[in-house]
Amino acid sequence: MKLLYVEDEADIRTVASIALEDEGFDIVFCGSGEQALEQLKTFIPDVIMLDVMMPGMDGPTTLAQLRHLPGLKNTPVIFLTARVQPSEILDFIALGAIAVIPKPFDPMTLASQITDILTSAGANAN
């Protein structure tokens, strides 16, 4: 499964890489929303994971922008964030995310969480 993960913290990208690449995910990492929008011109993922709080273009802004790119209008997006108050989660879902994974995430279960979310949302998890 092709996954784009947008995360400004290098340590978190490293942990996610270890957690997901061994589970068969083909991952492209971006350190910013701007970098993600550039990458999405040539890499069309099956799912996008976005950090919410990033310098410059945050996750919600990145999501709004990527929805205007060809072929990405319906790509499933999952936010990863420490902002997990019920009202915040509802706001992220209202923006178009299919789910929110709380940070810090468990590297041992991250792959299965993503697969379960995609299955529940009716997306292709294979």
C-alpha atoms as a PDB file:
ATOM      1  CA  MET A   1       0.000   0.000   0.000  1.00  0.00           C
ATOM      2  CA  LYS A   2       1.343   3.431  -0.952  1.00  0.00           C
ATOM      3  CA  LEU A   3       1.322   5.873   1.950  1.00  0.00           C
ATOM      4  CA  LEU A   4       2.355   9.518   2.186  1.00  0.00           C
ATOM      5  CA  TYR A   5       3.231  10.561   5.730  1.00  0.00           C
ATOM      6  CA  VAL A   6       3.621  14.270   6.424  1.00  0.00           C
ATOM      7  CA  GLU A   7       5.401  14.886   9.730  1.00  0.00           C
ATOM      8  CA  ASP A   8       7.784  17.686  10.691  1.00  0.00           C
ATOM      9  CA  GLU A   9       9.532  15.734  13.486  1.00  0.00           C
ATOM     10  CA  ALA A  10      12.381  13.585  12.116  1.00  0.00           C
ATOM     11  CA  ASP A  11      12.312  11.227  15.128  1.00  0.00           C
ATOM     12  CA  ILE A  12       8.634  10.451  14.593  1.00  0.00           C
ATOM     13  CA  ARG A  13       9.240   9.833  10.879  1.00  0.00           C
ATOM     14  CA  THR A  14      11.987   7.351  11.814  1.00  0.00           C
ATOM     15  CA  VAL A  15       9.737   5.462  14.241  1.00  0.00           C
ATOM     16  CA  ALA A  16       6.914   5.367  11.685  1.00  0.00           C
ATOM     17  CA  SER A  17       9.306   4.132   9.023  1.00  0.00           C
ATOM     18  CA  ILE A  18      10.422   1.225  11.178  1.00  0.00           C
ATOM     19  CA  ALA A  19       6.839   0.449  12.190  1.00  0.00           C
ATOM     20  CA  LEU A  20       5.351   0.518   8.688  1.00  0.00           C
ATOM     21  CA  GLU A  21       7.956  -0.527   6.152  1.00  0.00           C
ATOM     22  CA  ASP A  22       8.272  -4.005   7.673  1.00  0.00           C
ATOM     23  CA  GLU A  23       4.498  -4.351   7.276  1.00  0.00           C
ATOM     24  CA  GLY A  24       4.630  -3.836   3.518  1.00  0.00           C
ATOM     25  CA  PHE A  25       3.809  -0.149   3.273  1.00  0.00           C
ATOM     26  CA  ASP A  26       5.510   1.789   0.473  1.00  0.00           C
ATOM     27  CA  ILE A  27       6.084   5.097   2.282  1.00  0.00           C
ATOM     28  CA  VAL A  28       7.095   8.531   1.120  1.00  0.00           C
ATOM     29  CA  PHE A  29       7.857  10.919   3.969  1.00  0.00           C
ATOM     30  CA  CYS A  30       7.550  14.679   3.807  1.00  0.00           C
ATOM     31  CA  GLY A  31       8.670  17.133   6.464  1.00  0.00           C
ATOM     32  CA  SER A  32       6.107  19.825   5.654  1.00  0.00           C
ATOM     33  CA  GLY A  33       2.773  20.448   4.008  1.00  0.00           C
ATOM     34  CA  GLU A  34       4.474  22.363   1.225  1.00  0.00           C
ATOM     35  CA  GLN A  35       6.811  19.444   0.528  1.00  0.00           C
ATOM     36  CA  ALA A  36       3.827  17.071   0.506  1.00  0.00           C
ATOM     37  CA  LEU A  37       1.968  19.124  -2.090  1.00  0.00           C
ATOM     38  CA  GLU A  38       5.054  19.062  -4.303  1.00  0.00           C
ATOM     39  CA  GLN A  39       5.502  15.303  -3.805  1.00  0.00           C
ATOM     40  CA  LEU A  40       1.843  14.639  -4.619  1.00  0.00           C
ATOM     41  CA  LYS A  41       2.428  15.860  -8.165  1.00  0.00           C
ATOM     42  CA  THR A  42       4.296  12.609  -8.893  1.00  0.00           C
ATOM     43  CA  PHE A  43       3.368  10.192  -6.071  1.00  0.00           C
ATOM     44  CA  ILE A  44      -0.287   9.176  -5.784  1.00  0.00           C
ATOM     45  CA  PRO A  45      -0.766   7.384  -2.439  1.00  0.00           C
ATOM     46  CA  ASP A  46      -3.500   5.018  -1.340  1.00  0.00           C
ATOM     47  CA  VAL A  47      -3.655   6.837   2.006  1.00  0.00           C
ATOM     48  CA  ILE A  48      -2.222  10.048   3.460  1.00  0.00           C
ATOM     49  CA  MET A  49      -1.257  10.543   7.090  1.00  0.00           C
ATOM     50  CA  LEU A  50      -0.923  14.139   8.254  1.00  0.00           C
ATOM     51  CA  ASP A  51       0.495  15.641  11.395  1.00  0.00           C
ATOM     52  CA  VAL A  52      -1.874  18.381  12.553  1.00  0.00           C
ATOM     53  CA  MET A  53       0.584  20.854  14.063  1.00  0.00           C
ATOM     54  CA  MET A  54       3.441  21.737  11.720  1.00  0.00           C
ATOM     55  CA  PRO A  55       5.246  25.023  11.133  1.00  0.00           C
ATOM     56  CA  GLY A  56       4.171  26.874   8.019  1.00  0.00           C
ATOM     57  CA  MET A  57       1.350  24.878   6.466  1.00  0.00           C
ATOM     58  CA  ASP A  58      -0.416  22.813   9.139  1.00  0.00           C
ATOM     59  CA  GLY A  59      -2.213  19.522   8.538  1.00  0.00           C
ATOM     60  CA  PRO A  60      -5.727  20.928   8.040  1.00  0.00           C
ATOM     61  CA  THR A  61      -4.423  23.482   5.524  1.00  0.00           C
ATOM     62  CA  THR A  62      -2.452  20.778   3.735  1.00  0.00           C
ATOM     63  CA  LEU A  63      -5.595  18.627   3.544  1.00  0.00           C
ATOM     64  CA  ALA A  64      -7.601  21.487   2.063  1.00  0.00           C
ATOM     65  CA  GLN A  65      -4.913  22.127  -0.547  1.00  0.00           C
ATOM     66  CA  LEU A  66      -4.382  18.500  -1.558  1.00  0.00           C
ATOM     67  CA  ARG A  67      -8.098  18.051  -2.234  1.00  0.00           C
ATOM     68  CA  HIS A  68      -7.608  20.375  -5.236  1.00  0.00           C
ATOM     69  CA  LEU A  69      -4.935  18.159  -6.809  1.00  0.00           C
ATOM     70  CA  PRO A  70      -5.959  15.746  -9.595  1.00  0.00           C
ATOM     71  CA  GLY A  71      -6.785  12.260  -8.356  1.00  0.00           C
ATOM     72  CA  LEU A  72      -6.692  13.134  -4.639  1.00  0.00           C
ATOM     73  CA  LYS A  73     -10.212  14.340  -3.956  1.00  0.00           C
ATOM     74  CA  ASN A  74     -11.216  11.034  -2.352  1.00  0.00           C
ATOM     75  CA  THR A  75      -7.873   9.745  -1.054  1.00  0.00           C
ATOM     76  CA  PRO A  76      -8.309   8.705   2.591  1.00  0.00           C
ATOM     77  CA  VAL A  77      -6.564  11.018   5.068  1.00  0.00           C
ATOM     78  CA  ILE A  78      -5.717  10.148   8.665  1.00  0.00           C
ATOM     79  CA  PHE A  79      -4.550  12.818  11.087  1.00  0.00           C
ATOM     80  CA  LEU A  80      -1.930  11.985  13.718  1.00  0.00           C
ATOM     81  CA  THR A  81      -1.959  14.421  16.596  1.00  0.00           C
ATOM     82  CA  ALA A  82      -1.735  14.986  20.328  1.00  0.00           C
ATOM     83  CA  ARG A  83      -4.857  17.155  19.973  1.00  0.00           C
ATOM     84  CA  VAL A  84      -7.454  14.492  20.751  1.00  0.00           C
ATOM     85  CA  GLN A  85     -10.204  16.229  22.676  1.00  0.00           C
ATOM     86  CA  PRO A  86     -13.559  14.943  21.381  1.00  0.00           C
ATOM     87  CA  SER A  87     -14.424  18.335  19.869  1.00  0.00           C
ATOM     88  CA  GLU A  88     -11.053  18.489  18.100  1.00  0.00           C
ATOM     89  CA  ILE A  89     -11.492  15.000  16.661  1.00  0.00           C
ATOM     90  CA  LEU A  90     -14.951  15.975  15.379  1.00  0.00           C
ATOM     91  CA  ASP A  91     -13.416  19.075  13.781  1.00  0.00           C
ATOM     92  CA  PHE A  92     -10.760  16.963  12.001  1.00  0.00           C
ATOM     93  CA  ILE A  93     -13.402  14.547  10.722  1.00  0.00           C
ATOM     94  CA  ALA A  94     -15.495  17.506   9.528  1.00  0.00           C
ATOM     95  CA  LEU A  95     -12.464  18.708   7.548  1.00  0.00           C
ATOM     96  CA  GLY A  96     -12.465  15.404   5.663  1.00  0.00           C
ATOM     97  CA  ALA A  97     -10.211  13.064   7.632  1.00  0.00           C
ATOM     98  CA  ILE A  98     -11.469   9.497   7.985  1.00  0.00           C
ATOM     99  CA  ALA A  99      -9.849   9.077  11.418  1.00  0.00           C
ATOM    100  CA  VAL A 100      -7.466  10.486  14.005  1.00  0.00           C
ATOM    101  CA  ILE A 101      -4.632   8.470  15.526  1.00  0.00           C
ATOM    102  CA  PRO A 102      -3.451   9.899  18.847  1.00  0.00           C
ATOM    103  CA  LYS A 103       0.200  10.762  19.431  1.00  0.00           C
ATOM    104  CA  PRO A 104       2.245   9.295  20.765  1.00  0.00           C
ATOM    105  CA  PHE A 105       1.218   6.292  18.672  1.00  0.00           C
ATOM    106  CA  ASP A 106       2.206   2.707  19.431  1.00  0.00           C
ATOM    107  CA  PRO A 107       4.703   1.622  16.735  1.00  0.00           C
ATOM    108  CA  MET A 108       3.769  -2.015  17.317  1.00  0.00           C
ATOM    109  CA  THR A 109       0.137  -1.438  16.349  1.00  0.00           C
ATOM    110  CA  LEU A 110       0.382   1.485  13.893  1.00  0.00           C
ATOM    111  CA  ALA A 111       0.181  -0.684  10.764  1.00  0.00           C
ATOM    112  CA  SER A 112      -2.853  -2.590  12.014  1.00  0.00           C
ATOM    113  CA  GLN A 113      -4.511   0.670  13.123  1.00  0.00           C
ATOM    114  CA  ILE A 114      -4.157   2.090   9.624  1.00  0.00           C
ATOM    115  CA  THR A 115      -5.422  -1.106   8.008  1.00  0.00           C
ATOM    116  CA  ASP A 116      -8.382  -1.276  10.414  1.00  0.00           C
ATOM    117  CA  ILE A 117      -9.266   2.366   9.772  1.00  0.00           C
ATOM    118  CA  LEU A 118      -9.170   1.877   6.018  1.00  0.00           C
ATOM    119  CA  THR A 119     -11.246  -1.295   6.257  1.00  0.00           C
ATOM    120  CA  SER A 120     -13.830   0.440   8.449  1.00  0.00           C
ATOM    121  CA  ALA A 121     -13.956   3.392   6.043  1.00  0.00           C
ATOM    122  CA  GLY A 122     -14.474   1.049   3.099  1.00  0.00           C
ATOM    123  CA  ALA A 123     -11.140   1.966   1.525  1.00  0.00           C
ATOM    124  CA  ASN A 124      -8.830  -0.520  -0.131  1.00  0.00           C
ATOM    125  CA  ALA A 125      -6.471  -1.738   2.612  1.00  0.00           C
ATOM    126  CA  ASN A 126      -4.434  -4.086   0.443  1.00  0.00           C
END
